[in-house]
PDB file of N, CA and C in Angstrom:
ATOM      1  N   MET A   1       1.032  -1.079   0.149  1.00  0.00           N
ATOM      2  CA  MET A   1       0.000   0.115   0.122  1.00  0.00           C
ATOM      3  C   MET A   1       0.820   1.181  -0.099  1.00  0.00           C
ATOM      4  N   LYS A   2       0.612   2.354  -0.883  1.00  0.00           N
ATOM      5  CA  LYS A   2       1.516   3.289  -1.017  1.00  0.00           C
ATOM      6  C   LYS A   2       0.944   4.317   0.204  1.00  0.00           C
ATOM      7  N   THR A   3       1.779   5.158   0.646  1.00  0.00           N
ATOM      8  CA  THR A   3       1.676   6.223   1.655  1.00  0.00           C
ATOM      9  C   THR A   3       2.111   7.704   1.151  1.00  0.00           C
ATOM     10  N   CYS A   4       1.251   8.527   1.321  1.00  0.00           N
ATOM     11  CA  CYS A   4       1.746  10.178   0.947  1.00  0.00           C
ATOM     12  C   CYS A   4       2.681  10.204   1.762  1.00  0.00           C
ATOM     13  N   SER A   5       3.854  10.509   1.445  1.00  0.00           N
ATOM     14  CA  SER A   5       5.081  11.248   2.016  1.00  0.00           C
ATOM     15  C   SER A   5       5.008  12.509   2.454  1.00  0.00           C
ATOM     16  N   PHE A   6       3.895  13.111   2.367  1.00  0.00           N
ATOM     17  CA  PHE A   6       3.447  14.465   2.890  1.00  0.00           C
ATOM     18  C   PHE A   6       2.530  14.692   3.801  1.00  0.00           C
ATOM     19  N   CYS A   7       1.636  13.709   4.270  1.00  0.00           N
ATOM     20  CA  CYS A   7       0.829  13.756   4.959  1.00  0.00           C
ATOM     21  C   CYS A   7       0.543  12.299   5.811  1.00  0.00           C
ATOM     22  N   GLY A   8       1.032  11.673   5.189  1.00  0.00           N
ATOM     23  CA  GLY A   8       0.720  10.021   5.739  1.00  0.00           C
ATOM     24  C   GLY A   8      -0.464   9.087   5.176  1.00  0.00           C
ATOM     25  N   HIS A   9      -1.398   9.957   4.834  1.00  0.00           N
ATOM     26  CA  HIS A   9      -2.412   9.256   4.300  1.00  0.00           C
ATOM     27  C   HIS A   9      -2.028   8.053   3.250  1.00  0.00           C
ATOM     28  N   THR A  10      -3.240   6.949   3.057  1.00  0.00           N
ATOM     29  CA  THR A  10      -2.875   5.702   2.145  1.00  0.00           C
ATOM     30  C   THR A  10      -4.002   5.705   0.907  1.00  0.00           C
ATOM     31  N   GLU A  11      -4.848   7.162   0.819  1.00  0.00           N
ATOM     32  CA  GLU A  11      -5.764   7.135   0.116  1.00  0.00           C
ATOM     33  C   GLU A  11      -5.013   7.912  -1.091  1.00  0.00           C
ATOM     34  N   ILE A  12      -4.184   6.902  -1.980  1.00  0.00           N
ATOM     35  CA  ILE A  12      -3.625   7.535  -3.572  1.00  0.00           C
ATOM     36  C   ILE A  12      -4.546   7.243  -4.577  1.00  0.00           C
ATOM     37  N   LYS A  13      -4.700   8.222  -5.017  1.00  0.00           N
ATOM     38  CA  LYS A  13      -5.454   7.205  -6.629  1.00  0.00           C
ATOM     39  C   LYS A  13      -4.558   7.870  -7.731  1.00  0.00           C
ATOM     40  N   ASN A  14      -4.970   7.198  -8.942  1.00  0.00           N
ATOM     41  CA  ASN A  14      -4.322   7.511 -10.214  1.00  0.00           C
ATOM     42  C   ASN A  14      -5.367   8.484 -10.985  1.00  0.00           C
ATOM     43  N   THR A  15      -4.689   9.513 -11.525  1.00  0.00           N
ATOM     44  CA  THR A  15      -5.661  10.509 -12.057  1.00  0.00           C
ATOM     45  C   THR A  15      -4.595  11.071 -13.297  1.00  0.00           C
ATOM     46  N   LYS A  16      -5.208  12.170 -13.823  1.00  0.00           N
ATOM     47  CA  LYS A  16      -4.381  12.943 -15.104  1.00  0.00           C
ATOM     48  C   LYS A  16      -4.747  14.400 -14.591  1.00  0.00           C
ATOM     49  N   VAL A  17      -3.714  14.796 -14.523  1.00  0.00           N
ATOM     50  CA  VAL A  17      -3.708  16.519 -14.261  1.00  0.00           C
ATOM     51  C   VAL A  17      -3.104  17.425 -15.272  1.00  0.00           C
ATOM     52  N   GLN A  18      -3.243  18.815 -14.857  1.00  0.00           N
ATOM     53  CA  GLN A  18      -2.637  19.748 -15.637  1.00  0.00           C
ATOM     54  C   GLN A  18      -1.287  20.161 -14.824  1.00  0.00           C
ATOM     55  N   TYR A  19      -0.221  20.357 -15.498  1.00  0.00           N
ATOM     56  CA  TYR A  19       1.345  20.536 -15.249  1.00  0.00           C
ATOM     57  C   TYR A  19       1.799  21.465 -15.832  1.00  0.00           C
ATOM     58  N   LEU A  20       2.397  22.438 -14.699  1.00  0.00           N
ATOM     59  CA  LEU A  20       3.023  23.305 -15.305  1.00  0.00           C
ATOM     60  C   LEU A  20       4.374  23.365 -15.157  1.00  0.00           C
ATOM     61  N   TYR A  21       5.335  23.461 -16.488  1.00  0.00           N
ATOM     62  CA  TYR A  21       6.827  23.146 -16.222  1.00  0.00           C
ATOM     63  C   TYR A  21       7.257  24.748 -16.450  1.00  0.00           C
ATOM     64  N   LYS A  22       8.465  24.703 -15.686  1.00  0.00           N
ATOM     65  CA  LYS A  22       8.877  26.240 -15.740  1.00  0.00           C
ATOM     66  C   LYS A  22      10.344  26.252 -15.649  1.00  0.00           C
ATOM     67  N   HIS A  23      11.039  26.764 -16.627  1.00  0.00           N
ATOM     68  CA  HIS A  23      12.438  27.057 -16.915  1.00  0.00           C
ATOM     69  C   HIS A  23      13.074  28.320 -17.189  1.00  0.00           C
ATOM     70  N   ASP A  24      13.750  28.959 -16.427  1.00  0.00           N
ATOM     71  CA  ASP A  24      14.156  30.358 -16.967  1.00  0.00           C
ATOM     72  C   ASP A  24      13.209  31.452 -17.255  1.00  0.00           C
ATOM     73  N   ASN A  25      11.949  31.138 -16.488  1.00  0.00           N
ATOM     74  CA  ASN A  25      10.784  32.265 -16.805  1.00  0.00           C
ATOM     75  C   ASN A  25      10.129  31.956 -18.254  1.00  0.00           C
ATOM     76  N   HIS A  26      10.362  30.672 -18.924  1.00  0.00           N
ATOM     77  CA  HIS A  26       9.577  30.432 -19.841  1.00  0.00           C
ATOM     78  C   HIS A  26       8.745  29.000 -19.257  1.00  0.00           C
ATOM     79  N   PHE A  27       7.484  28.890 -19.876  1.00  0.00           N
ATOM     80  CA  PHE A  27       6.504  27.889 -19.238  1.00  0.00           C
ATOM     81  C   PHE A  27       6.127  27.115 -20.529  1.00  0.00           C
ATOM     82  N   LEU A  28       5.510  25.967 -19.901  1.00  0.00           N
ATOM     83  CA  LEU A  28       4.971  24.808 -21.083  1.00  0.00           C
ATOM     84  C   LEU A  28       3.542  24.413 -19.854  1.00  0.00           C
ATOM     85  N   LEU A  29       2.316  24.618 -20.321  1.00  0.00           N
ATOM     86  CA  LEU A  29       1.253  24.041 -19.659  1.00  0.00           C
ATOM     87  C   LEU A  29       1.105  22.795 -20.410  1.00  0.00           C
ATOM     88  N   VAL A  30       0.932  21.640 -19.416  1.00  0.00           N
ATOM     89  CA  VAL A  30       0.637  20.253 -20.148  1.00  0.00           C
ATOM     90  C   VAL A  30      -0.954  19.775 -19.446  1.00  0.00           C
ATOM     91  N   ASN A  31      -1.613  19.462 -20.467  1.00  0.00           N
ATOM     92  CA  ASN A  31      -2.798  18.767 -19.931  1.00  0.00           C
ATOM     93  C   ASN A  31      -3.083  17.167 -19.994  1.00  0.00           C
ATOM     94  N   GLY A  32      -3.280  16.636 -19.124  1.00  0.00           N
ATOM     95  CA  GLY A  32      -3.600  15.144 -19.155  1.00  0.00           C
ATOM     96  C   GLY A  32      -2.374  14.421 -18.883  1.00  0.00           C
ATOM     97  N   VAL A  33      -1.995  14.878 -17.702  1.00  0.00           N
ATOM     98  CA  VAL A  33      -0.582  14.127 -17.418  1.00  0.00           C
ATOM     99  C   VAL A  33      -1.067  13.062 -16.053  1.00  0.00           C
ATOM    100  N   PRO A  34      -0.241  12.260 -16.309  1.00  0.00           N
ATOM    101  CA  PRO A  34      -0.719  10.768 -15.454  1.00  0.00           C
ATOM    102  C   PRO A  34       0.098  11.298 -13.913  1.00  0.00           C
ATOM    103  N   CYS A  35      -0.648  10.791 -13.145  1.00  0.00           N
ATOM    104  CA  CYS A  35       0.139  10.810 -11.860  1.00  0.00           C
ATOM    105  C   CYS A  35      -0.460  10.298 -10.787  1.00  0.00           C
ATOM    106  N   GLU A  36      -0.166   9.971  -9.771  1.00  0.00           N
ATOM    107  CA  GLU A  36      -0.591   9.631  -8.281  1.00  0.00           C
ATOM    108  C   GLU A  36      -0.973  10.659  -7.414  1.00  0.00           C
ATOM    109  N   GLU A  37      -2.257  10.905  -7.083  1.00  0.00           N
ATOM    110  CA  GLU A  37      -2.614  11.942  -6.427  1.00  0.00           C
ATOM    111  C   GLU A  37      -3.280  11.659  -4.825  1.00  0.00           C
ATOM    112  N   CYS A  38      -2.792  12.074  -3.788  1.00  0.00           N
ATOM    113  CA  CYS A  38      -3.117  12.202  -2.459  1.00  0.00           C
ATOM    114  C   CYS A  38      -4.671  12.344  -2.224  1.00  0.00           C
ATOM    115  N   GLU A  39      -5.601  11.675  -2.296  1.00  0.00           N
ATOM    116  CA  GLU A  39      -7.228  11.954  -1.842  1.00  0.00           C
ATOM    117  C   GLU A  39      -7.199  12.818  -0.618  1.00  0.00           C
ATOM    118  N   PHE A  40      -6.308  13.056   0.303  1.00  0.00           N
ATOM    119  CA  PHE A  40      -6.400  13.654   1.271  1.00  0.00           C
ATOM    120  C   PHE A  40      -5.701  15.093   1.114  1.00  0.00           C
ATOM    121  N   CYS A  41      -4.503  15.132   1.011  1.00  0.00           N
ATOM    122  CA  CYS A  41      -3.902  16.676   0.890  1.00  0.00           C
ATOM    123  C   CYS A  41      -3.793  16.961  -0.547  1.00  0.00           C
ATOM    124  N   GLY A  42      -3.946  16.387  -1.578  1.00  0.00           N
ATOM    125  CA  GLY A  42      -3.720  16.696  -2.865  1.00  0.00           C
ATOM    126  C   GLY A  42      -2.169  16.704  -3.532  1.00  0.00           C
ATOM    127  N   GLU A  43      -1.218  16.652  -2.892  1.00  0.00           N
ATOM    128  CA  GLU A  43      -0.097  16.048  -3.505  1.00  0.00           C
ATOM    129  C   GLU A  43       0.239  15.193  -4.350  1.00  0.00           C
ATOM    130  N   GLN A  44       0.961  15.267  -5.315  1.00  0.00           N
ATOM    131  CA  GLN A  44       0.822  14.776  -6.640  1.00  0.00           C
ATOM    132  C   GLN A  44       2.298  14.215  -6.648  1.00  0.00           C
ATOM    133  N   TYR A  45       2.237  12.797  -7.337  1.00  0.00           N
ATOM    134  CA  TYR A  45       3.572  12.087  -7.675  1.00  0.00           C
ATOM    135  C   TYR A  45       3.753  11.825  -9.107  1.00  0.00           C
ATOM    136  N   PHE A  46       4.770  12.003  -9.745  1.00  0.00           N
ATOM    137  CA  PHE A  46       4.708  11.669 -10.961  1.00  0.00           C
ATOM    138  C   PHE A  46       6.027  10.912 -11.431  1.00  0.00           C
ATOM    139  N   ALA A  47       5.779   9.996 -12.463  1.00  0.00           N
ATOM    140  CA  ALA A  47       6.893   9.149 -12.566  1.00  0.00           C
ATOM    141  C   ALA A  47       8.164   9.980 -13.331  1.00  0.00           C
ATOM    142  N   ALA A  48       9.342   9.616 -13.067  1.00  0.00           N
ATOM    143  CA  ALA A  48      10.228  10.352 -13.700  1.00  0.00           C
ATOM    144  C   ALA A  48      10.209  10.216 -15.448  1.00  0.00           C
ATOM    145  N   SER A  49       9.962   9.055 -15.806  1.00  0.00           N
ATOM    146  CA  SER A  49       9.770   9.260 -17.442  1.00  0.00           C
ATOM    147  C   SER A  49       9.202  10.079 -17.808  1.00  0.00           C
ATOM    148  N   THR A  50       7.730  10.361 -17.054  1.00  0.00           N
ATOM    149  CA  THR A  50       6.840  11.367 -17.521  1.00  0.00           C
ATOM    150  C   THR A  50       7.439  12.688 -17.552  1.00  0.00           C
ATOM    151  N   LEU A  51       8.128  13.177 -16.595  1.00  0.00           N
ATOM    152  CA  LEU A  51       8.601  14.426 -16.262  1.00  0.00           C
ATOM    153  C   LEU A  51       9.681  14.603 -17.631  1.00  0.00           C
ATOM    154  N   LYS A  52      10.428  13.715 -17.690  1.00  0.00           N
ATOM    155  CA  LYS A  52      11.194  13.640 -18.433  1.00  0.00           C
ATOM    156  C   LYS A  52      10.759  14.112 -20.326  1.00  0.00           C
ATOM    157  N   LYS A  53       9.790  13.179 -20.585  1.00  0.00           N
ATOM    158  CA  LYS A  53       8.972  13.505 -21.650  1.00  0.00           C
ATOM    159  C   LYS A  53       8.385  14.991 -21.757  1.00  0.00           C
ATOM    160  N   ILE A  54       8.097  15.603 -20.545  1.00  0.00           N
ATOM    161  CA  ILE A  54       7.592  16.992 -20.594  1.00  0.00           C
ATOM    162  C   ILE A  54       8.711  18.034 -20.682  1.00  0.00           C
ATOM    163  N   GLU A  55       9.738  17.727 -20.270  1.00  0.00           N
ATOM    164  CA  GLU A  55      11.102  18.282 -20.225  1.00  0.00           C
ATOM    165  C   GLU A  55      11.675  18.525 -21.797  1.00  0.00           C
ATOM    166  N   LYS A  56      11.631  17.241 -22.596  1.00  0.00           N
ATOM    167  CA  LYS A  56      11.962  16.954 -23.830  1.00  0.00           C
ATOM    168  C   LYS A  56      11.270  17.869 -24.717  1.00  0.00           C
ATOM    169  N   GLU A  57       9.870  17.989 -24.297  1.00  0.00           N
ATOM    170  CA  GLU A  57       8.815  18.647 -25.423  1.00  0.00           C
ATOM    171  C   GLU A  57       9.284  20.150 -25.092  1.00  0.00           C
ATOM    172  N   PHE A  58       9.334  20.585 -24.000  1.00  0.00           N
ATOM    173  CA  PHE A  58       9.295  22.226 -23.638  1.00  0.00           C
ATOM    174  C   PHE A  58      10.874  22.435 -24.506  1.00  0.00           C
ATOM    175  N   ILE A  59      11.758  21.566 -24.484  1.00  0.00           N
ATOM    176  CA  ILE A  59      12.994  22.115 -25.077  1.00  0.00           C
ATOM    177  C   ILE A  59      12.872  21.907 -26.593  1.00  0.00           C
ATOM    178  N   SER A  60      12.099  21.162 -27.136  1.00  0.00           N
ATOM    179  CA  SER A  60      11.626  21.037 -28.412  1.00  0.00           C
ATOM    180  C   SER A  60      10.858  22.277 -28.722  1.00  0.00           C
ATOM    181  N   ILE A  61       9.898  22.687 -27.929  1.00  0.00           N
ATOM    182  CA  ILE A  61       9.156  23.833 -28.238  1.00  0.00           C
ATOM    183  C   ILE A  61      10.294  25.356 -28.068  1.00  0.00           C
ATOM    184  N   HIS A  62      10.581  25.309 -26.877  1.00  0.00           N
ATOM    185  CA  HIS A  62      11.345  26.264 -26.560  1.00  0.00           C
ATOM    186  C   HIS A  62      12.518  26.823 -28.110  1.00  0.00           C
ATOM    187  N   ASN A  63      13.123  25.491 -28.404  1.00  0.00           N
ATOM    188  CA  ASN A  63      14.276  25.782 -29.816  1.00  0.00           C
ATOM    189  C   ASN A  63      13.882  25.918 -30.763  1.00  0.00           C
ATOM    190  N   LYS A  64      12.154  25.934 -30.688  1.00  0.00           N
ATOM    191  CA  LYS A  64      11.322  26.228 -32.060  1.00  0.00           C
ATOM    192  C   LYS A  64      11.529  25.254 -32.955  1.00  0.00           C
ATOM    193  N   LYS A  65      11.767  23.839 -32.626  1.00  0.00           N
ATOM    194  CA  LYS A  65      11.802  22.782 -33.509  1.00  0.00           C
ATOM    195  C   LYS A  65      10.181  22.207 -33.310  1.00  0.00           C
ATOM    196  N   LYS A  66       9.511  22.365 -32.669  1.00  0.00           N
ATOM    197  CA  LYS A  66       8.212  22.191 -32.585  1.00  0.00           C
ATOM    198  C   LYS A  66       7.216  23.480 -32.052  1.00  0.00           C
ATOM    199  N   GLN A  67       6.009  23.234 -32.992  1.00  0.00           N
ATOM    200  CA  GLN A  67       5.195  24.402 -32.486  1.00  0.00           C
ATOM    201  C   GLN A  67       4.116  23.609 -31.430  1.00  0.00           C
ATOM    202  N   PRO A  68       3.684  24.367 -30.422  1.00  0.00           N
ATOM    203  CA  PRO A  68       2.596  23.997 -29.168  1.00  0.00           C
ATOM    204  C   PRO A  68       1.456  23.967 -29.836  1.00  0.00           C
ATOM    205  N   LYS A  69       0.550  22.997 -29.593  1.00  0.00           N
ATOM    206  CA  LYS A  69      -0.937  23.055 -30.089  1.00  0.00           C
ATOM    207  C   LYS A  69      -1.659  24.277 -29.990  1.00  0.00           C
ATOM    208  N   LYS A  70      -1.381  25.038 -28.956  1.00  0.00           N
ATOM    209  CA  LYS A  70      -2.201  26.348 -28.473  1.00  0.00           C
ATOM    210  C   LYS A  70      -0.816  27.255 -27.412  1.00  0.00           C
ATOM    211  N   LYS A  71      -1.245  28.526 -27.721  1.00  0.00           N
ATOM    212  CA  LYS A  71      -0.747  29.545 -27.203  1.00  0.00           C
ATOM    213  C   LYS A  71      -1.598  30.394 -26.064  1.00  0.00           C
ATOM    214  N   LEU A  72      -1.015  30.815 -24.863  1.00  0.00           N
ATOM    215  CA  LEU A  72      -2.265  31.391 -23.970  1.00  0.00           C
ATOM    216  C   LEU A  72      -1.412  32.660 -23.345  1.00  0.00           C
ATOM    217  N   SER A  73      -2.259  33.829 -23.203  1.00  0.00           N
ATOM    218  CA  SER A  73      -1.815  34.956 -22.956  1.00  0.00           C
ATOM    219  C   SER A  73      -2.433  35.038 -21.502  1.00  0.00           C
ATOM    220  N   MET A  74      -1.362  35.384 -20.689  1.00  0.00           N
ATOM    221  CA  MET A  74      -1.713  35.369 -19.257  1.00  0.00           C
ATOM    222  C   MET A  74      -1.221  36.598 -18.527  1.00  0.00           C
ATOM    223  N   PRO A  75      -2.445  37.142 -17.657  1.00  0.00           N
ATOM    224  CA  PRO A  75      -1.760  38.109 -16.831  1.00  0.00           C
ATOM    225  C   PRO A  75      -0.762  37.879 -15.929  1.00  0.00           C
ATOM    226  N   VAL A  76      -0.009  38.854 -15.679  1.00  0.00           N
ATOM    227  CA  VAL A  76       0.958  38.683 -14.449  1.00  0.00           C
ATOM    228  C   VAL A  76       0.975  39.886 -13.639  1.00  0.00           C
ATOM    229  N   GLU A  77       0.947  39.640 -12.352  1.00  0.00           N
ATOM    230  CA  GLU A  77       1.295  40.710 -11.122  1.00  0.00           C
ATOM    231  C   GLU A  77       2.155  40.220 -10.092  1.00  0.00           C
ATOM    232  N   ASP A  78       2.896  41.295  -9.450  1.00  0.00           N
ATOM    233  CA  ASP A  78       3.707  41.259  -8.224  1.00  0.00           C
ATOM    234  C   ASP A  78       2.870  41.216  -7.235  1.00  0.00           C
ATOM    235  N   PHE A  79       3.228  40.399  -5.928  1.00  0.00           N
ATOM    236  CA  PHE A  79       2.117  40.137  -4.805  1.00  0.00           C
ATOM    237  C   PHE A  79       2.488  41.620  -4.053  1.00  0.00           C
ATOM    238  N   SER A  80       3.681  42.162  -4.074  1.00  0.00           N
ATOM    239  CA  SER A  80       4.087  43.473  -3.487  1.00  0.00           C
ATOM    240  C   SER A  80       2.960  44.628  -3.923  1.00  0.00           C
ATOM    241  N   ASP A  81       2.657  44.147  -4.977  1.00  0.00           N
ATOM    242  CA  ASP A  81       1.980  45.935  -5.770  1.00  0.00           C
ATOM    243  C   ASP A  81       0.365  45.328  -5.363  1.00  0.00           C
ATOM    244  N   LEU A  82      -0.049  44.173  -5.087  1.00  0.00           N
ATOM    245  CA  LEU A  82      -1.346  43.845  -4.504  1.00  0.00           C
ATOM    246  C   LEU A  82      -1.539  44.563  -3.054  1.00  0.00           C
ATOM    247  N   GLU A  83      -0.354  44.163  -2.324  1.00  0.00           N
ATOM    248  CA  GLU A  83      -0.466  44.591  -0.950  1.00  0.00           C
ATOM    249  C   GLU A  83      -0.654  46.241  -0.674  1.00  0.00           C
ATOM    250  N   ALA A  84      -0.029  47.035  -1.767  1.00  0.00           N
ATOM    251  CA  ALA A  84      -0.146  48.553  -1.809  1.00  0.00           C
ATOM    252  C   ALA A  84      -1.467  49.011  -2.050  1.00  0.00           C
ATOM    253  N   ALA A  85      -2.293  47.903  -2.759  1.00  0.00           N
ATOM    254  CA  ALA A  85      -3.272  48.724  -3.421  1.00  0.00           C
ATOM    255  C   ALA A  85      -4.446  48.563  -1.949  1.00  0.00           C
TER     256      ALA A  85
END
């Protein structure tokens, strides 16, 4: 039986999630990534092979060898600006 290393619970489910890969202020958002997720605290566990595939895809897109399926525009804020408001 698997145990969550974060909270200790044993309710771990196989699911697919959205994963945000970040490297040097460049991002890749990947949908449908398989993982194991604790049903109690939400901690997620990914296979190393899965993360390596995502990294390889990021490098390919970042080096312009491949076009992503879709591009998003996202607003960005600094928390310090929110506190001042």
